[in-house]
């Protein structure tokens, strides 16, 4: 099973996004594990995921997350419009593209 990590400042705003992404995955028949955590808890969880997506509000910490994953998995900032609209389907599709 693929695992997606969403990272934001406190892990709260991405929790709603996790629900939207899970709904989209269920509608597509995809079995996936999606978790949301604050940036402070990212390092341990990043070892067990296939992709890390950062909320736009923590885009400035992308370099830090890149160094944590050390090239093992893709790290990308979620597109601001998709994030603002809580477009779980589009964000899920992008995550799956990054996973390959």
N, C-alpha and C. Protein backbone atom coordinates (compact mmCIF):
# COMPACT_ATOMS: atom_id res chain seq x y z
N UNK A 1 0.85 -1.18 0.00
CA UNK A 1 0.00 0.00 0.00
C UNK A 1 0.89 1.24 0.00
N UNK A 2 0.54 2.19 -0.84
CA UNK A 2 1.28 3.45 -0.91
C UNK A 2 0.89 4.34 0.26
N UNK A 3 1.84 5.17 0.68
CA UNK A 3 1.60 6.05 1.83
C UNK A 3 2.02 7.48 1.47
N UNK A 4 1.11 8.42 1.74
CA UNK A 4 1.34 9.84 1.46
C UNK A 4 1.40 10.59 2.79
N UNK A 5 2.39 11.45 2.93
CA UNK A 5 2.51 12.31 4.10
C UNK A 5 2.22 13.74 3.70
N UNK A 6 1.25 14.35 4.36
CA UNK A 6 0.96 15.77 4.17
C UNK A 6 1.53 16.51 5.37
N UNK A 7 2.24 17.59 5.11
CA UNK A 7 2.89 18.35 6.17
C UNK A 7 2.39 19.79 6.15
N UNK A 8 2.02 20.29 7.33
CA UNK A 8 1.67 21.71 7.44
C UNK A 8 2.20 22.23 8.76
N UNK A 9 1.82 23.43 9.11
CA UNK A 9 2.37 24.07 10.31
C UNK A 9 1.99 23.31 11.58
N UNK A 10 0.72 22.98 11.73
CA UNK A 10 0.28 22.30 12.94
C UNK A 10 -0.41 20.97 12.66
N UNK A 11 -0.59 20.59 11.41
CA UNK A 11 -1.24 19.34 11.07
C UNK A 11 -2.76 19.43 11.04
N UNK A 12 -3.29 20.63 11.26
CA UNK A 12 -4.74 20.79 11.35
C UNK A 12 -5.39 21.01 9.99
N UNK A 13 -4.91 21.99 9.24
CA UNK A 13 -5.56 22.31 7.98
C UNK A 13 -5.46 21.15 7.00
N UNK A 14 -4.40 20.37 7.08
CA UNK A 14 -4.27 19.24 6.18
C UNK A 14 -5.14 18.06 6.60
N UNK A 15 -5.65 18.05 7.82
CA UNK A 15 -6.52 16.95 8.24
C UNK A 15 -7.79 16.91 7.40
N UNK A 16 -8.35 18.06 7.10
CA UNK A 16 -9.52 18.12 6.23
C UNK A 16 -9.15 17.62 4.83
N UNK A 17 -7.97 17.99 4.37
CA UNK A 17 -7.51 17.55 3.06
C UNK A 17 -7.34 16.04 3.02
N UNK A 18 -6.88 15.44 4.09
CA UNK A 18 -6.75 13.99 4.17
C UNK A 18 -8.11 13.34 3.92
N UNK A 19 -9.15 13.86 4.54
CA UNK A 19 -10.50 13.31 4.35
C UNK A 19 -10.92 13.41 2.89
N UNK A 20 -10.66 14.55 2.27
CA UNK A 20 -11.03 14.76 0.86
C UNK A 20 -10.25 13.81 -0.05
N UNK A 21 -8.97 13.64 0.24
CA UNK A 21 -8.14 12.73 -0.55
C UNK A 21 -8.58 11.28 -0.37
N UNK A 22 -8.92 10.91 0.87
CA UNK A 22 -9.41 9.55 1.12
C UNK A 22 -10.71 9.29 0.37
N UNK A 23 -11.60 10.29 0.34
CA UNK A 23 -12.85 10.16 -0.41
C UNK A 23 -12.57 9.93 -1.89
N UNK A 24 -11.61 10.71 -2.43
CA UNK A 24 -11.25 10.57 -3.84
C UNK A 24 -10.64 9.19 -4.11
N UNK A 25 -9.80 8.72 -3.21
CA UNK A 25 -9.17 7.41 -3.37
C UNK A 25 -10.23 6.30 -3.34
N UNK A 26 -11.16 6.43 -2.42
CA UNK A 26 -12.24 5.43 -2.31
C UNK A 26 -13.07 5.40 -3.59
N UNK A 27 -13.38 6.58 -4.12
CA UNK A 27 -14.17 6.66 -5.36
C UNK A 27 -13.44 6.02 -6.53
N UNK A 28 -12.10 6.06 -6.50
CA UNK A 28 -11.29 5.48 -7.58
C UNK A 28 -10.90 4.03 -7.31
N UNK A 29 -11.29 3.53 -6.14
CA UNK A 29 -10.93 2.16 -5.79
C UNK A 29 -9.46 1.97 -5.47
N UNK A 30 -8.82 3.02 -4.96
CA UNK A 30 -7.40 2.99 -4.63
C UNK A 30 -7.23 2.79 -3.13
N UNK A 31 -6.40 1.83 -2.76
CA UNK A 31 -6.10 1.58 -1.36
C UNK A 31 -4.82 2.34 -1.02
N UNK A 32 -4.95 3.37 -0.20
CA UNK A 32 -3.81 4.24 0.09
C UNK A 32 -3.89 4.72 1.53
N UNK A 33 -2.76 5.01 2.12
CA UNK A 33 -2.70 5.52 3.50
C UNK A 33 -2.20 6.96 3.43
N UNK A 34 -3.00 7.88 3.95
CA UNK A 34 -2.66 9.30 3.91
C UNK A 34 -2.66 9.83 5.34
N UNK A 35 -1.56 10.45 5.74
CA UNK A 35 -1.46 11.02 7.09
C UNK A 35 -1.06 12.48 7.00
N UNK A 36 -1.51 13.26 7.97
CA UNK A 36 -1.15 14.67 8.06
C UNK A 36 -0.45 14.90 9.39
N UNK A 37 0.68 15.59 9.32
CA UNK A 37 1.46 15.88 10.53
C UNK A 37 2.02 17.29 10.47
N UNK A 38 2.29 17.85 11.64
CA UNK A 38 3.00 19.14 11.64
C UNK A 38 4.45 18.92 11.24
N UNK A 39 5.06 19.97 10.77
CA UNK A 39 6.45 19.90 10.30
C UNK A 39 7.38 19.36 11.38
N UNK A 40 7.06 19.63 12.64
CA UNK A 40 7.91 19.19 13.76
C UNK A 40 7.94 17.67 13.91
N UNK A 41 6.96 16.96 13.35
CA UNK A 41 6.91 15.50 13.47
C UNK A 41 7.21 14.79 12.15
N UNK A 42 7.70 15.53 11.20
CA UNK A 42 7.91 15.02 9.85
C UNK A 42 9.05 14.01 9.75
N UNK A 43 10.11 14.20 10.49
CA UNK A 43 11.33 13.42 10.25
C UNK A 43 11.13 11.91 10.43
N UNK A 44 10.48 11.47 11.48
CA UNK A 44 10.29 10.03 11.68
C UNK A 44 9.31 9.46 10.66
N UNK A 45 8.20 10.14 10.43
CA UNK A 45 7.18 9.64 9.51
C UNK A 45 7.69 9.59 8.08
N UNK A 46 8.60 10.49 7.71
CA UNK A 46 9.11 10.55 6.34
C UNK A 46 9.85 9.28 5.94
N UNK A 47 10.31 8.51 6.92
CA UNK A 47 11.02 7.27 6.64
C UNK A 47 10.10 6.18 6.11
N UNK A 48 8.79 6.34 6.32
CA UNK A 48 7.85 5.27 6.03
C UNK A 48 6.86 5.61 4.91
N UNK A 49 7.12 6.68 4.16
CA UNK A 49 6.16 7.12 3.15
C UNK A 49 6.75 7.05 1.74
N UNK A 50 5.85 7.19 0.75
CA UNK A 50 6.26 7.14 -0.65
C UNK A 50 6.36 8.53 -1.27
N UNK A 51 5.74 9.52 -0.64
CA UNK A 51 5.79 10.90 -1.13
C UNK A 51 5.44 11.83 0.04
N UNK A 52 6.04 13.02 0.03
CA UNK A 52 5.74 14.04 1.04
C UNK A 52 5.21 15.27 0.31
N UNK A 53 4.03 15.72 0.72
CA UNK A 53 3.43 16.93 0.16
C UNK A 53 3.35 17.98 1.26
N UNK A 54 3.85 19.17 0.96
CA UNK A 54 3.83 20.26 1.93
C UNK A 54 2.69 21.21 1.63
N UNK A 55 2.02 21.65 2.69
CA UNK A 55 1.01 22.70 2.53
C UNK A 55 1.71 23.98 2.11
N UNK A 56 1.02 24.81 1.33
CA UNK A 56 1.64 26.05 0.84
C UNK A 56 2.17 26.94 1.96
N UNK A 57 1.57 26.87 3.14
CA UNK A 57 2.00 27.73 4.24
C UNK A 57 3.35 27.33 4.82
N UNK A 58 3.85 26.14 4.48
CA UNK A 58 5.17 25.72 4.95
C UNK A 58 6.14 25.49 3.78
N UNK A 59 5.85 26.09 2.63
CA UNK A 59 6.71 25.91 1.46
C UNK A 59 8.15 26.31 1.75
N UNK A 60 8.32 27.27 2.64
CA UNK A 60 9.67 27.74 2.98
C UNK A 60 10.50 26.66 3.68
N UNK A 61 9.86 25.57 4.11
CA UNK A 61 10.59 24.50 4.80
C UNK A 61 10.86 23.31 3.88
N UNK A 62 10.66 23.50 2.59
CA UNK A 62 10.88 22.40 1.64
C UNK A 62 12.32 21.90 1.69
N UNK A 63 13.28 22.80 1.75
CA UNK A 63 14.69 22.39 1.80
C UNK A 63 14.96 21.50 3.02
N UNK A 64 14.35 21.85 4.14
CA UNK A 64 14.51 21.04 5.37
C UNK A 64 13.95 19.63 5.15
N UNK A 65 12.77 19.55 4.56
CA UNK A 65 12.15 18.24 4.31
C UNK A 65 12.96 17.47 3.27
N UNK A 66 13.45 18.16 2.24
CA UNK A 66 14.31 17.51 1.25
C UNK A 66 15.52 16.86 1.93
N UNK A 67 16.10 17.55 2.90
CA UNK A 67 17.27 16.99 3.58
C UNK A 67 16.88 15.81 4.47
N UNK A 68 15.68 15.84 5.02
CA UNK A 68 15.21 14.73 5.86
C UNK A 68 15.04 13.46 5.02
N UNK A 69 14.43 13.59 3.85
CA UNK A 69 14.18 12.39 3.02
C UNK A 69 15.40 12.01 2.18
N UNK A 70 16.35 12.91 2.04
CA UNK A 70 17.62 12.64 1.35
C UNK A 70 17.44 11.99 -0.01
N UNK A 71 16.46 12.45 -0.76
CA UNK A 71 16.24 11.95 -2.11
C UNK A 71 15.54 10.61 -2.21
N UNK A 72 15.17 10.03 -1.08
CA UNK A 72 14.52 8.72 -1.08
C UNK A 72 13.13 8.76 -1.69
N UNK A 73 12.39 9.85 -1.44
CA UNK A 73 11.03 10.00 -1.96
C UNK A 73 10.85 11.42 -2.48
N UNK A 74 9.88 11.61 -3.38
CA UNK A 74 9.61 12.96 -3.87
C UNK A 74 9.03 13.85 -2.76
N UNK A 75 9.38 15.13 -2.82
CA UNK A 75 8.85 16.15 -1.91
C UNK A 75 8.35 17.29 -2.80
N UNK A 76 7.10 17.70 -2.59
CA UNK A 76 6.56 18.78 -3.40
C UNK A 76 5.60 19.63 -2.57
N UNK A 77 5.57 20.92 -2.89
CA UNK A 77 4.61 21.82 -2.26
C UNK A 77 3.30 21.68 -3.02
N UNK A 78 2.20 21.53 -2.29
CA UNK A 78 0.88 21.41 -2.90
C UNK A 78 0.53 22.72 -3.59
N UNK A 79 0.03 22.61 -4.79
CA UNK A 79 -0.37 23.79 -5.57
C UNK A 79 -1.42 24.57 -4.76
N UNK A 80 -1.20 25.88 -4.64
CA UNK A 80 -1.99 26.72 -3.73
C UNK A 80 -3.49 26.70 -4.04
N UNK A 81 -3.83 26.75 -5.31
CA UNK A 81 -5.26 26.77 -5.66
C UNK A 81 -5.95 25.46 -5.27
N UNK A 82 -5.30 24.34 -5.58
CA UNK A 82 -5.87 23.03 -5.23
C UNK A 82 -6.00 22.90 -3.71
N UNK A 83 -5.00 23.42 -2.99
CA UNK A 83 -5.04 23.36 -1.53
C UNK A 83 -6.16 24.24 -0.99
N UNK A 84 -6.26 25.45 -1.49
CA UNK A 84 -7.29 26.38 -1.02
C UNK A 84 -8.70 25.88 -1.28
N UNK A 85 -8.88 25.16 -2.38
CA UNK A 85 -10.19 24.62 -2.73
C UNK A 85 -10.40 23.24 -2.12
N UNK A 86 -9.38 22.74 -1.40
CA UNK A 86 -9.43 21.40 -0.81
C UNK A 86 -9.81 20.37 -1.87
N UNK A 87 -9.14 20.46 -3.02
CA UNK A 87 -9.40 19.56 -4.15
C UNK A 87 -8.64 18.26 -3.93
N UNK A 88 -9.22 17.40 -3.11
CA UNK A 88 -8.57 16.14 -2.76
C UNK A 88 -8.26 15.27 -3.95
N UNK A 89 -9.14 15.27 -4.95
CA UNK A 89 -8.91 14.45 -6.15
C UNK A 89 -7.69 14.87 -6.92
N UNK A 90 -7.55 16.17 -7.15
CA UNK A 90 -6.41 16.69 -7.91
C UNK A 90 -5.10 16.47 -7.14
N UNK A 91 -5.14 16.68 -5.84
CA UNK A 91 -3.92 16.52 -5.04
C UNK A 91 -3.54 15.04 -4.95
N UNK A 92 -4.52 14.16 -4.83
CA UNK A 92 -4.25 12.73 -4.85
C UNK A 92 -3.63 12.32 -6.17
N UNK A 93 -4.21 12.80 -7.28
CA UNK A 93 -3.67 12.47 -8.60
C UNK A 93 -2.21 12.90 -8.73
N UNK A 94 -1.89 14.09 -8.24
CA UNK A 94 -0.51 14.59 -8.31
C UNK A 94 0.41 13.73 -7.46
N UNK A 95 -0.04 13.36 -6.28
CA UNK A 95 0.78 12.50 -5.41
C UNK A 95 1.07 11.17 -6.09
N UNK A 96 0.06 10.60 -6.73
CA UNK A 96 0.26 9.32 -7.42
C UNK A 96 1.20 9.47 -8.60
N UNK A 97 1.13 10.60 -9.30
CA UNK A 97 2.08 10.88 -10.39
C UNK A 97 3.51 10.90 -9.84
N UNK A 98 3.70 11.58 -8.72
CA UNK A 98 5.05 11.67 -8.12
C UNK A 98 5.58 10.33 -7.67
N UNK A 99 4.68 9.48 -7.17
CA UNK A 99 5.09 8.16 -6.72
C UNK A 99 5.50 7.31 -7.92
N UNK A 100 4.79 7.53 -9.04
CA UNK A 100 5.12 6.80 -10.26
C UNK A 100 4.42 5.52 -10.34
